Amino acid sequence: MKLMIQAHNVELTEWLEQYVDKKIGKLGRYLPGIDEAFVELREEKTRSAADRAVAQVTIRSPRTILRAEERSGDMFASIDAVTDKLERRIERYKGKRAPNHKRAVAQANTVVEAVSTPPVEAEPAAGDLVRIKHFEMQAMDANEAIEQMELLGHDFYVFLNSGTGTVNVVYRRRDNNFGLLQPELG
């Protein structure tokens, strides 16, 4: 597994790097075949000191992408919490992929390639464009898109609908059901 660690406003000491490697490395026991793990550690300026240390992890394997983020007052506690969250997501993912599960196995899922804007020294003003993401899409049905959205921990997911050949969006509604947006050119 290729491990990439990026730190923002945090000193990436050898001890912290080894700790991340140890914690994230053990996820390979739960989900063999992990290609890469991207860990972002950052210290944010928030009112609550209990939410300043942020650990975000994105794991890519041949069939899926898993993502989790945790906040706490201590970076090591954030790393522990995000690792625990990913372990639970991996178990849920493996449970859905059991041989007796009725859903079809997804084709190669969407590979997200994040391209960030260069770091800005000043805080961005509200309403500014602060991040741009480019991603490749694989055709899938709405159920597969919902599963991928849940694994990423997002409230929406953009995908190429294999039935219609159009770009669609699934989203989580306030009542915890799901919605599907199918845009039409007018």
N, C-alpha and C. Protein backbone atom coordinates (compact mmCIF):
# COMPACT_ATOMS: atom_id res chain seq x y z
N MET A 1 0.85 -1.17 0.00
CA MET A 1 0.00 0.00 0.00
C MET A 1 0.89 1.24 0.00
N LYS A 2 0.54 2.16 -0.89
CA LYS A 2 1.27 3.42 -0.97
C LYS A 2 0.60 4.40 -0.01
N LEU A 3 1.36 4.93 0.95
CA LEU A 3 0.83 5.85 1.95
C LEU A 3 1.38 7.25 1.69
N MET A 4 0.47 8.21 1.51
CA MET A 4 0.86 9.60 1.32
C MET A 4 0.29 10.41 2.48
N ILE A 5 1.14 11.21 3.11
CA ILE A 5 0.72 12.03 4.24
C ILE A 5 0.97 13.49 3.89
N GLN A 6 -0.07 14.29 4.08
CA GLN A 6 0.05 15.72 3.84
C GLN A 6 -0.36 16.44 5.12
N ALA A 7 0.44 17.42 5.53
CA ALA A 7 0.16 18.15 6.77
C ALA A 7 -0.02 19.63 6.47
N HIS A 8 -1.04 20.21 7.09
CA HIS A 8 -1.32 21.64 6.97
C HIS A 8 -1.35 22.22 8.39
N ASN A 9 -0.50 23.17 8.66
CA ASN A 9 -0.42 23.82 9.98
C ASN A 9 -0.08 22.82 11.08
N VAL A 10 0.54 21.71 10.72
CA VAL A 10 0.94 20.68 11.68
C VAL A 10 2.37 20.29 11.35
N GLU A 11 3.21 20.17 12.37
CA GLU A 11 4.57 19.71 12.14
C GLU A 11 4.53 18.19 12.01
N LEU A 12 4.94 17.69 10.86
CA LEU A 12 4.93 16.25 10.61
C LEU A 12 6.24 15.66 11.13
N THR A 13 6.23 15.29 12.40
CA THR A 13 7.42 14.71 13.01
C THR A 13 7.54 13.25 12.61
N GLU A 14 8.70 12.68 12.82
CA GLU A 14 8.91 11.27 12.50
C GLU A 14 7.99 10.39 13.35
N TRP A 15 7.78 10.78 14.60
CA TRP A 15 6.91 10.02 15.50
C TRP A 15 5.46 10.02 14.97
N LEU A 16 4.97 11.19 14.53
CA LEU A 16 3.62 11.28 14.00
C LEU A 16 3.50 10.49 12.71
N GLU A 17 4.50 10.55 11.87
CA GLU A 17 4.49 9.81 10.61
C GLU A 17 4.46 8.30 10.87
N GLN A 18 5.25 7.82 11.82
CA GLN A 18 5.26 6.41 12.18
C GLN A 18 3.92 5.98 12.76
N TYR A 19 3.31 6.85 13.55
CA TYR A 19 2.02 6.54 14.17
C TYR A 19 0.94 6.38 13.09
N VAL A 20 0.93 7.30 12.12
CA VAL A 20 -0.03 7.21 11.01
C VAL A 20 0.21 5.95 10.21
N ASP A 21 1.47 5.65 9.92
CA ASP A 21 1.82 4.45 9.16
C ASP A 21 1.34 3.19 9.88
N LYS A 22 1.53 3.13 11.18
CA LYS A 22 1.11 1.97 11.97
C LYS A 22 -0.41 1.82 11.95
N LYS A 23 -1.14 2.92 12.20
CA LYS A 23 -2.59 2.87 12.28
C LYS A 23 -3.24 2.59 10.93
N ILE A 24 -2.83 3.30 9.91
CA ILE A 24 -3.43 3.13 8.59
C ILE A 24 -2.96 1.82 7.96
N GLY A 25 -1.74 1.42 8.25
CA GLY A 25 -1.22 0.16 7.72
C GLY A 25 -2.01 -1.05 8.17
N LYS A 26 -2.59 -1.00 9.36
CA LYS A 26 -3.34 -2.16 9.85
C LYS A 26 -4.69 -2.31 9.13
N LEU A 27 -5.13 -1.28 8.42
CA LEU A 27 -6.37 -1.40 7.66
C LEU A 27 -6.23 -2.40 6.52
N GLY A 28 -4.99 -2.64 6.08
CA GLY A 28 -4.74 -3.62 5.04
C GLY A 28 -5.13 -5.02 5.44
N ARG A 29 -5.17 -5.30 6.75
CA ARG A 29 -5.62 -6.61 7.22
C ARG A 29 -7.11 -6.79 6.99
N TYR A 30 -7.86 -5.70 7.09
CA TYR A 30 -9.30 -5.77 6.94
C TYR A 30 -9.74 -5.74 5.48
N LEU A 31 -8.99 -5.01 4.66
CA LEU A 31 -9.32 -4.88 3.24
C LEU A 31 -8.07 -5.09 2.41
N PRO A 32 -7.77 -6.34 2.07
CA PRO A 32 -6.57 -6.58 1.26
C PRO A 32 -6.73 -5.96 -0.13
N GLY A 33 -5.65 -5.58 -0.69
CA GLY A 33 -5.68 -5.01 -2.03
C GLY A 33 -5.82 -3.50 -2.05
N ILE A 34 -5.56 -2.85 -0.92
CA ILE A 34 -5.60 -1.39 -0.91
C ILE A 34 -4.42 -0.89 -1.73
N ASP A 35 -4.72 -0.06 -2.73
CA ASP A 35 -3.67 0.48 -3.59
C ASP A 35 -2.93 1.61 -2.91
N GLU A 36 -3.69 2.57 -2.39
CA GLU A 36 -3.06 3.73 -1.77
C GLU A 36 -3.96 4.32 -0.69
N ALA A 37 -3.32 4.99 0.22
CA ALA A 37 -4.03 5.71 1.28
C ALA A 37 -3.47 7.12 1.33
N PHE A 38 -4.36 8.10 1.31
CA PHE A 38 -3.96 9.50 1.38
C PHE A 38 -4.45 10.05 2.71
N VAL A 39 -3.52 10.51 3.53
CA VAL A 39 -3.85 11.02 4.86
C VAL A 39 -3.56 12.51 4.89
N GLU A 40 -4.56 13.28 5.28
CA GLU A 40 -4.39 14.72 5.42
C GLU A 40 -4.58 15.08 6.89
N LEU A 41 -3.54 15.65 7.47
CA LEU A 41 -3.58 16.10 8.86
C LEU A 41 -3.53 17.61 8.85
N ARG A 42 -4.47 18.23 9.57
CA ARG A 42 -4.46 19.69 9.60
C ARG A 42 -4.96 20.21 10.94
N GLU A 43 -4.46 21.36 11.27
CA GLU A 43 -4.86 22.08 12.48
C GLU A 43 -5.67 23.28 11.99
N GLU A 44 -6.93 23.36 12.41
CA GLU A 44 -7.80 24.44 11.97
C GLU A 44 -8.03 25.43 13.09
N LYS A 45 -8.29 26.65 12.70
CA LYS A 45 -8.62 27.68 13.67
C LYS A 45 -10.13 27.67 13.87
N THR A 46 -10.56 27.08 14.97
CA THR A 46 -11.99 27.02 15.28
C THR A 46 -12.22 27.60 16.67
N ARG A 47 -13.47 27.91 16.94
CA ARG A 47 -13.80 28.42 18.27
C ARG A 47 -13.60 27.34 19.32
N SER A 48 -13.96 26.13 18.96
CA SER A 48 -13.86 25.02 19.90
C SER A 48 -12.48 24.37 19.78
N ALA A 49 -11.74 24.38 20.86
CA ALA A 49 -10.42 23.74 20.85
C ALA A 49 -10.54 22.23 20.68
N ALA A 50 -11.72 21.67 20.97
CA ALA A 50 -11.93 20.23 20.86
C ALA A 50 -12.06 19.77 19.41
N ASP A 51 -12.16 20.70 18.45
CA ASP A 51 -12.33 20.31 17.04
C ASP A 51 -11.21 20.81 16.15
N ARG A 52 -10.08 21.16 16.72
CA ARG A 52 -9.01 21.77 15.92
C ARG A 52 -8.16 20.77 15.14
N ALA A 53 -7.89 19.62 15.72
CA ALA A 53 -7.04 18.62 15.06
C ALA A 53 -7.91 17.76 14.15
N VAL A 54 -7.64 17.82 12.85
CA VAL A 54 -8.46 17.11 11.86
C VAL A 54 -7.60 16.08 11.14
N ALA A 55 -8.11 14.85 11.08
CA ALA A 55 -7.47 13.78 10.32
C ALA A 55 -8.47 13.29 9.29
N GLN A 56 -8.07 13.35 8.02
CA GLN A 56 -8.92 12.88 6.92
C GLN A 56 -8.15 11.82 6.15
N VAL A 57 -8.79 10.68 5.89
CA VAL A 57 -8.13 9.57 5.20
C VAL A 57 -8.98 9.14 4.02
N THR A 58 -8.35 8.97 2.87
CA THR A 58 -9.00 8.44 1.68
C THR A 58 -8.24 7.19 1.26
N ILE A 59 -8.95 6.08 1.16
CA ILE A 59 -8.35 4.80 0.79
C ILE A 59 -8.89 4.38 -0.57
N ARG A 60 -7.99 3.99 -1.45
CA ARG A 60 -8.39 3.53 -2.79
C ARG A 60 -8.00 2.08 -2.96
N SER A 61 -8.96 1.29 -3.37
CA SER A 61 -8.70 -0.10 -3.73
C SER A 61 -9.26 -0.29 -5.13
N PRO A 62 -9.01 -1.42 -5.76
CA PRO A 62 -9.46 -1.60 -7.14
C PRO A 62 -10.98 -1.44 -7.32
N ARG A 63 -11.78 -1.75 -6.31
CA ARG A 63 -13.22 -1.74 -6.47
C ARG A 63 -13.93 -0.55 -5.83
N THR A 64 -13.26 0.17 -4.95
CA THR A 64 -13.97 1.23 -4.24
C THR A 64 -13.03 2.28 -3.68
N ILE A 65 -13.62 3.35 -3.21
CA ILE A 65 -12.91 4.42 -2.51
C ILE A 65 -13.62 4.63 -1.18
N LEU A 66 -12.86 4.64 -0.10
CA LEU A 66 -13.41 4.87 1.23
C LEU A 66 -12.79 6.16 1.77
N ARG A 67 -13.62 6.96 2.45
CA ARG A 67 -13.13 8.21 2.99
C ARG A 67 -13.75 8.45 4.35
N ALA A 68 -12.96 8.99 5.27
CA ALA A 68 -13.46 9.34 6.60
C ALA A 68 -12.68 10.53 7.12
N GLU A 69 -13.33 11.30 7.99
CA GLU A 69 -12.70 12.46 8.61
C GLU A 69 -13.15 12.52 10.07
N GLU A 70 -12.22 12.86 10.94
CA GLU A 70 -12.53 13.01 12.36
C GLU A 70 -11.82 14.23 12.91
N ARG A 71 -12.44 14.84 13.92
CA ARG A 71 -11.91 16.04 14.57
C ARG A 71 -11.86 15.80 16.07
N SER A 72 -10.82 16.33 16.69
CA SER A 72 -10.72 16.28 18.15
C SER A 72 -9.72 17.34 18.59
N GLY A 73 -9.43 17.35 19.86
CA GLY A 73 -8.48 18.31 20.38
C GLY A 73 -7.04 17.86 20.24
N ASP A 74 -6.82 16.58 19.94
CA ASP A 74 -5.48 16.01 19.85
C ASP A 74 -5.34 15.28 18.53
N MET A 75 -4.24 15.46 17.83
CA MET A 75 -4.05 14.84 16.52
C MET A 75 -4.04 13.32 16.63
N PHE A 76 -3.42 12.78 17.67
CA PHE A 76 -3.36 11.33 17.82
C PHE A 76 -4.76 10.76 18.06
N ALA A 77 -5.60 11.47 18.80
CA ALA A 77 -6.98 11.03 19.03
C ALA A 77 -7.77 11.08 17.72
N SER A 78 -7.52 12.08 16.91
CA SER A 78 -8.19 12.17 15.61
C SER A 78 -7.80 11.01 14.71
N ILE A 79 -6.52 10.66 14.72
CA ILE A 79 -6.04 9.53 13.91
C ILE A 79 -6.68 8.24 14.38
N ASP A 80 -6.75 8.04 15.70
CA ASP A 80 -7.39 6.83 16.24
C ASP A 80 -8.86 6.77 15.82
N ALA A 81 -9.56 7.89 15.95
CA ALA A 81 -10.99 7.92 15.65
C ALA A 81 -11.25 7.67 14.16
N VAL A 82 -10.44 8.27 13.29
CA VAL A 82 -10.66 8.07 11.86
C VAL A 82 -10.33 6.63 11.46
N THR A 83 -9.35 6.02 12.10
CA THR A 83 -9.03 4.61 11.83
C THR A 83 -10.19 3.72 12.26
N ASP A 84 -10.77 3.98 13.43
CA ASP A 84 -11.92 3.19 13.89
C ASP A 84 -13.10 3.34 12.94
N LYS A 85 -13.34 4.57 12.47
CA LYS A 85 -14.44 4.80 11.54
C LYS A 85 -14.23 4.05 10.24
N LEU A 86 -12.99 4.04 9.74
CA LEU A 86 -12.70 3.32 8.50
C LEU A 86 -12.84 1.81 8.68
N GLU A 87 -12.46 1.30 9.84
CA GLU A 87 -12.64 -0.13 10.11
C GLU A 87 -14.12 -0.50 10.02
N ARG A 88 -15.00 0.33 10.60
CA ARG A 88 -16.44 0.06 10.54
C ARG A 88 -16.95 0.15 9.10
N ARG A 89 -16.46 1.11 8.33
CA ARG A 89 -16.89 1.24 6.94
C ARG A 89 -16.42 0.05 6.10
N ILE A 90 -15.22 -0.42 6.37
CA ILE A 90 -14.71 -1.59 5.64
C ILE A 90 -15.56 -2.82 5.96
N GLU A 91 -15.90 -3.00 7.23
CA GLU A 91 -16.75 -4.14 7.61
C GLU A 91 -18.11 -4.05 6.93
N ARG A 92 -18.69 -2.85 6.88
CA ARG A 92 -19.98 -2.67 6.21
C ARG A 92 -19.84 -2.96 4.72
N TYR A 93 -18.76 -2.49 4.11
CA TYR A 93 -18.51 -2.73 2.69
C TYR A 93 -18.36 -4.22 2.42
N LYS A 94 -17.59 -4.90 3.24
CA LYS A 94 -17.39 -6.34 3.05
C LYS A 94 -18.69 -7.10 3.25
N GLY A 95 -19.53 -6.65 4.17
CA GLY A 95 -20.82 -7.29 4.40
C GLY A 95 -21.73 -7.18 3.19
N LYS A 96 -21.67 -6.04 2.50
CA LYS A 96 -22.48 -5.85 1.31
C LYS A 96 -21.96 -6.67 0.13
N ARG A 97 -20.71 -7.04 0.19
CA ARG A 97 -20.09 -7.79 -0.90
C ARG A 97 -20.08 -9.29 -0.63
N ALA A 98 -20.79 -9.74 0.40
CA ALA A 98 -20.83 -11.17 0.71
C ALA A 98 -21.42 -11.93 -0.48
N PRO A 99 -21.01 -13.20 -0.70
CA PRO A 99 -21.46 -13.95 -1.86
C PRO A 99 -22.99 -14.07 -1.98
N ASN A 100 -23.70 -14.07 -0.84
CA ASN A 100 -25.14 -14.23 -0.92
C ASN A 100 -25.87 -12.91 -1.05
N HIS A 101 -25.15 -11.82 -1.17
CA HIS A 101 -25.78 -10.52 -1.32
C HIS A 101 -26.36 -10.40 -2.72
N LYS A 102 -27.54 -9.82 -2.83
CA LYS A 102 -28.25 -9.82 -4.11
C LYS A 102 -27.83 -8.72 -5.07
N ARG A 103 -27.12 -7.73 -4.58
CA ARG A 103 -26.69 -6.67 -5.49
C ARG A 103 -25.59 -7.16 -6.41
N ALA A 104 -25.57 -6.65 -7.61
CA ALA A 104 -24.51 -7.00 -8.55
C ALA A 104 -23.22 -6.32 -8.11
N VAL A 105 -22.13 -6.99 -8.35
CA VAL A 105 -20.83 -6.41 -8.02
C VAL A 105 -20.57 -5.26 -8.97
N ALA A 106 -20.21 -4.12 -8.40
CA ALA A 106 -20.00 -2.91 -9.20
C ALA A 106 -18.82 -3.09 -10.14
N GLN A 107 -18.92 -2.43 -11.29
CA GLN A 107 -17.77 -2.41 -12.18
C GLN A 107 -16.72 -1.56 -11.50
N ALA A 108 -15.59 -1.36 -12.14
CA ALA A 108 -14.56 -0.53 -11.51
C ALA A 108 -15.17 0.81 -11.17
N ASN A 109 -15.15 1.15 -9.88
CA ASN A 109 -15.83 2.36 -9.42
C ASN A 109 -15.06 3.61 -9.80
N THR A 110 -15.71 4.72 -9.60
CA THR A 110 -15.16 6.02 -9.95
C THR A 110 -13.84 6.25 -9.24
N VAL A 111 -12.87 6.70 -9.98
CA VAL A 111 -11.59 7.08 -9.39
C VAL A 111 -11.59 8.59 -9.30
N VAL A 112 -11.48 9.09 -8.09
CA VAL A 112 -11.51 10.53 -7.88
C VAL A 112 -10.09 11.04 -7.81
N GLU A 113 -9.78 12.00 -8.63
CA GLU A 113 -8.45 12.60 -8.66
C GLU A 113 -8.64 14.05 -8.26
N ALA A 114 -8.30 14.39 -7.05
CA ALA A 114 -8.52 15.74 -6.55
C ALA A 114 -7.39 16.65 -7.02
N VAL A 115 -7.76 17.79 -7.53
CA VAL A 115 -6.80 18.80 -7.93
C VAL A 115 -7.17 20.06 -7.17
N SER A 116 -6.36 20.43 -6.22
CA SER A 116 -6.66 21.59 -5.38
C SER A 116 -6.06 22.84 -5.98
N THR A 117 -6.71 23.95 -5.65
CA THR A 117 -6.12 25.23 -6.03
C THR A 117 -4.89 25.45 -5.17
N PRO A 118 -3.94 26.25 -5.60
CA PRO A 118 -2.75 26.49 -4.79
C PRO A 118 -3.12 27.06 -3.44
N PRO A 119 -2.32 26.75 -2.40
CA PRO A 119 -2.65 27.27 -1.08
C PRO A 119 -2.64 28.80 -1.07
N VAL A 120 -3.61 29.34 -0.40
CA VAL A 120 -3.77 30.78 -0.31
C VAL A 120 -3.36 31.21 1.09
N GLU A 121 -2.59 32.28 1.18
CA GLU A 121 -2.12 32.75 2.48
C GLU A 121 -3.26 33.31 3.31
N ALA A 122 -4.12 34.11 2.69
CA ALA A 122 -5.23 34.73 3.43
C ALA A 122 -6.43 33.79 3.43
N GLU A 123 -7.28 33.95 4.43
CA GLU A 123 -8.50 33.15 4.51
C GLU A 123 -9.41 33.55 3.35
N PRO A 124 -10.02 32.57 2.65
CA PRO A 124 -10.92 32.93 1.55
C PRO A 124 -12.20 33.55 2.09
N ALA A 125 -12.75 34.47 1.35
CA ALA A 125 -14.01 35.10 1.74
C ALA A 125 -15.16 34.15 1.46
N ALA A 126 -16.24 34.32 2.15
CA ALA A 126 -17.41 33.47 1.94
C ALA A 126 -17.88 33.59 0.50
N GLY A 127 -18.16 32.48 -0.12
CA GLY A 127 -18.63 32.48 -1.50
C GLY A 127 -17.53 32.36 -2.53
N ASP A 128 -16.25 32.31 -2.12
CA ASP A 128 -15.15 32.16 -3.07
C ASP A 128 -15.00 30.70 -3.48
N LEU A 129 -14.56 30.48 -4.69
CA LEU A 129 -14.24 29.13 -5.17
C LEU A 129 -12.91 28.75 -4.57
N VAL A 130 -12.87 27.74 -3.72
CA VAL A 130 -11.65 27.39 -3.01
C VAL A 130 -11.10 26.02 -3.39
N ARG A 131 -11.85 25.22 -4.16
CA ARG A 131 -11.36 23.91 -4.53
C ARG A 131 -12.01 23.45 -5.81
N ILE A 132 -11.24 22.81 -6.66
CA ILE A 132 -11.74 22.25 -7.91
C ILE A 132 -11.36 20.78 -7.93
N LYS A 133 -12.31 19.92 -8.24
CA LYS A 133 -12.03 18.49 -8.32
C LYS A 133 -12.35 17.99 -9.73
N HIS A 134 -11.46 17.18 -10.26
CA HIS A 134 -11.65 16.52 -11.53
C HIS A 134 -11.74 15.03 -11.25
N PHE A 135 -12.63 14.33 -11.92
CA PHE A 135 -12.73 12.90 -11.69
C PHE A 135 -13.22 12.18 -12.93
N GLU A 136 -12.79 10.94 -13.07
CA GLU A 136 -13.24 10.07 -14.15
C GLU A 136 -14.48 9.34 -13.67
N MET A 137 -15.40 9.07 -14.59
CA MET A 137 -16.62 8.38 -14.21
C MET A 137 -16.71 7.04 -14.93
N GLN A 138 -17.16 6.04 -14.19
CA GLN A 138 -17.49 4.74 -14.75
C GLN A 138 -19.00 4.60 -14.70
N ALA A 139 -19.57 3.92 -15.67
CA ALA A 139 -21.01 3.73 -15.69
C ALA A 139 -21.43 2.81 -14.54
N MET A 140 -22.51 3.17 -13.86
CA MET A 140 -23.05 2.36 -12.77
C MET A 140 -24.53 2.69 -12.64
N ASP A 141 -25.26 1.85 -11.91
CA ASP A 141 -26.67 2.18 -11.69
C ASP A 141 -26.81 2.98 -10.40
N ALA A 142 -28.03 3.43 -10.12
CA ALA A 142 -28.28 4.30 -8.98
C ALA A 142 -27.96 3.61 -7.65
N ASN A 143 -28.25 2.31 -7.53
CA ASN A 143 -27.95 1.59 -6.28
C ASN A 143 -26.46 1.52 -6.01
N GLU A 144 -25.67 1.30 -7.05
CA GLU A 144 -24.22 1.28 -6.89
C GLU A 144 -23.71 2.67 -6.51
N ALA A 145 -24.31 3.71 -7.06
CA ALA A 145 -23.91 5.08 -6.73
C ALA A 145 -24.25 5.40 -5.27
N ILE A 146 -25.39 4.94 -4.79
CA ILE A 146 -25.76 5.15 -3.39
C ILE A 146 -24.77 4.44 -2.48
N GLU A 147 -24.38 3.22 -2.84
CA GLU A 147 -23.40 2.49 -2.04
C GLU A 147 -22.07 3.22 -1.99
N GLN A 148 -21.62 3.73 -3.13
CA GLN A 148 -20.35 4.46 -3.18
C GLN A 148 -20.45 5.75 -2.37
N MET A 149 -21.59 6.44 -2.44
CA MET A 149 -21.79 7.66 -1.67
C MET A 149 -21.70 7.38 -0.18
N GLU A 150 -22.30 6.29 0.28
CA GLU A 150 -22.24 5.93 1.69
C GLU A 150 -20.83 5.58 2.12
N LEU A 151 -20.08 4.89 1.27
CA LEU A 151 -18.71 4.53 1.61
C LEU A 151 -17.82 5.76 1.71
N LEU A 152 -18.10 6.77 0.91
CA LEU A 152 -17.32 8.00 0.96
C LEU A 152 -17.76 8.90 2.10
N GLY A 153 -18.96 8.66 2.64
CA GLY A 153 -19.45 9.49 3.72
C GLY A 153 -19.98 10.83 3.24
N HIS A 154 -20.40 10.91 1.98
CA HIS A 154 -20.92 12.15 1.41
C HIS A 154 -22.44 12.16 1.44
N ASP A 155 -23.02 13.34 1.19
CA ASP A 155 -24.47 13.46 1.10
C ASP A 155 -24.97 13.45 -0.34
N PHE A 156 -24.05 13.47 -1.30
CA PHE A 156 -24.43 13.37 -2.70
C PHE A 156 -23.31 12.68 -3.47
N TYR A 157 -23.63 12.20 -4.68
CA TYR A 157 -22.63 11.52 -5.49
C TYR A 157 -23.00 11.70 -6.96
N VAL A 158 -22.06 12.17 -7.77
CA VAL A 158 -22.26 12.37 -9.20
C VAL A 158 -21.75 11.12 -9.92
N PHE A 159 -22.56 10.59 -10.86
CA PHE A 159 -22.16 9.36 -11.54
C PHE A 159 -22.75 9.33 -12.94
N LEU A 160 -22.21 8.45 -13.77
CA LEU A 160 -22.70 8.22 -15.13
C LEU A 160 -23.68 7.06 -15.06
N ASN A 161 -24.94 7.32 -15.34
CA ASN A 161 -25.98 6.30 -15.25
C ASN A 161 -25.83 5.31 -16.40
N SER A 162 -25.62 4.04 -16.08
CA SER A 162 -25.41 3.02 -17.11
C SER A 162 -26.67 2.75 -17.91
N GLY A 163 -27.84 3.02 -17.34
CA GLY A 163 -29.11 2.79 -18.05
C GLY A 163 -29.42 3.87 -19.07
N THR A 164 -29.11 5.12 -18.73
CA THR A 164 -29.48 6.23 -19.62
C THR A 164 -28.28 6.85 -20.33
N GLY A 165 -27.08 6.60 -19.83
CA GLY A 165 -25.88 7.19 -20.42
C GLY A 165 -25.71 8.66 -20.11
N THR A 166 -26.44 9.16 -19.11
CA THR A 166 -26.35 10.57 -18.73
C THR A 166 -25.72 10.71 -17.35
N VAL A 167 -25.26 11.92 -17.06
CA VAL A 167 -24.70 12.21 -15.74
C VAL A 167 -25.87 12.45 -14.79
N ASN A 168 -25.89 11.75 -13.67
CA ASN A 168 -26.94 11.86 -12.65
C ASN A 168 -26.31 12.14 -11.30
N VAL A 169 -27.15 12.53 -10.34
CA VAL A 169 -26.71 12.78 -8.97
C VAL A 169 -27.67 12.06 -8.03
N VAL A 170 -27.11 11.25 -7.13
CA VAL A 170 -27.92 10.71 -6.04
C VAL A 170 -27.59 11.54 -4.80
N TYR A 171 -28.59 11.70 -3.93
CA TYR A 171 -28.38 12.51 -2.73
C TYR A 171 -29.21 11.95 -1.59
N ARG A 172 -28.75 12.25 -0.37
CA ARG A 172 -29.47 11.84 0.83
C ARG A 172 -30.47 12.93 1.19
N ARG A 173 -31.73 12.52 1.34
CA ARG A 173 -32.78 13.46 1.72
C ARG A 173 -32.81 13.63 3.24
N ARG A 174 -33.51 14.65 3.71
CA ARG A 174 -33.58 14.90 5.14
C ARG A 174 -34.25 13.76 5.89
N ASP A 175 -35.14 13.01 5.23
CA ASP A 175 -35.81 11.88 5.88
C ASP A 175 -34.98 10.60 5.80
N ASN A 176 -33.68 10.72 5.43
CA ASN A 176 -32.72 9.61 5.31
C ASN A 176 -33.04 8.65 4.18
N ASN A 177 -33.92 9.03 3.27
CA ASN A 177 -34.10 8.28 2.04
C ASN A 177 -33.18 8.91 1.00
N PHE A 178 -33.26 8.45 -0.23
CA PHE A 178 -32.36 8.94 -1.27
C PHE A 178 -33.16 9.54 -2.41
N GLY A 179 -32.56 10.49 -3.09
CA GLY A 179 -33.15 11.10 -4.26
C GLY A 179 -32.21 10.94 -5.44
N LEU A 180 -32.77 11.06 -6.66
CA LEU A 180 -31.99 10.93 -7.89
C LEU A 180 -32.29 12.14 -8.76
N LEU A 181 -31.26 12.89 -9.13
CA LEU A 181 -31.41 14.02 -10.03
C LEU A 181 -31.00 13.58 -11.44
N GLN A 182 -31.89 13.75 -12.40
CA GLN A 182 -31.61 13.41 -13.78
C GLN A 182 -31.79 14.67 -14.63
N PRO A 183 -30.72 15.41 -14.87
CA PRO A 183 -30.85 16.67 -15.62
C PRO A 183 -31.24 16.44 -17.07
N GLU A 184 -32.00 17.39 -17.60
CA GLU A 184 -32.39 17.36 -19.01
C GLU A 184 -32.03 18.70 -19.62
N LEU A 185 -31.51 18.68 -20.83
CA LEU A 185 -31.18 19.91 -21.52
C LEU A 185 -32.47 20.53 -22.04
N GLY A 186 -32.61 21.85 -21.85
CA GLY A 186 -33.87 22.51 -22.24
C GLY A 186 -33.73 23.40 -23.41
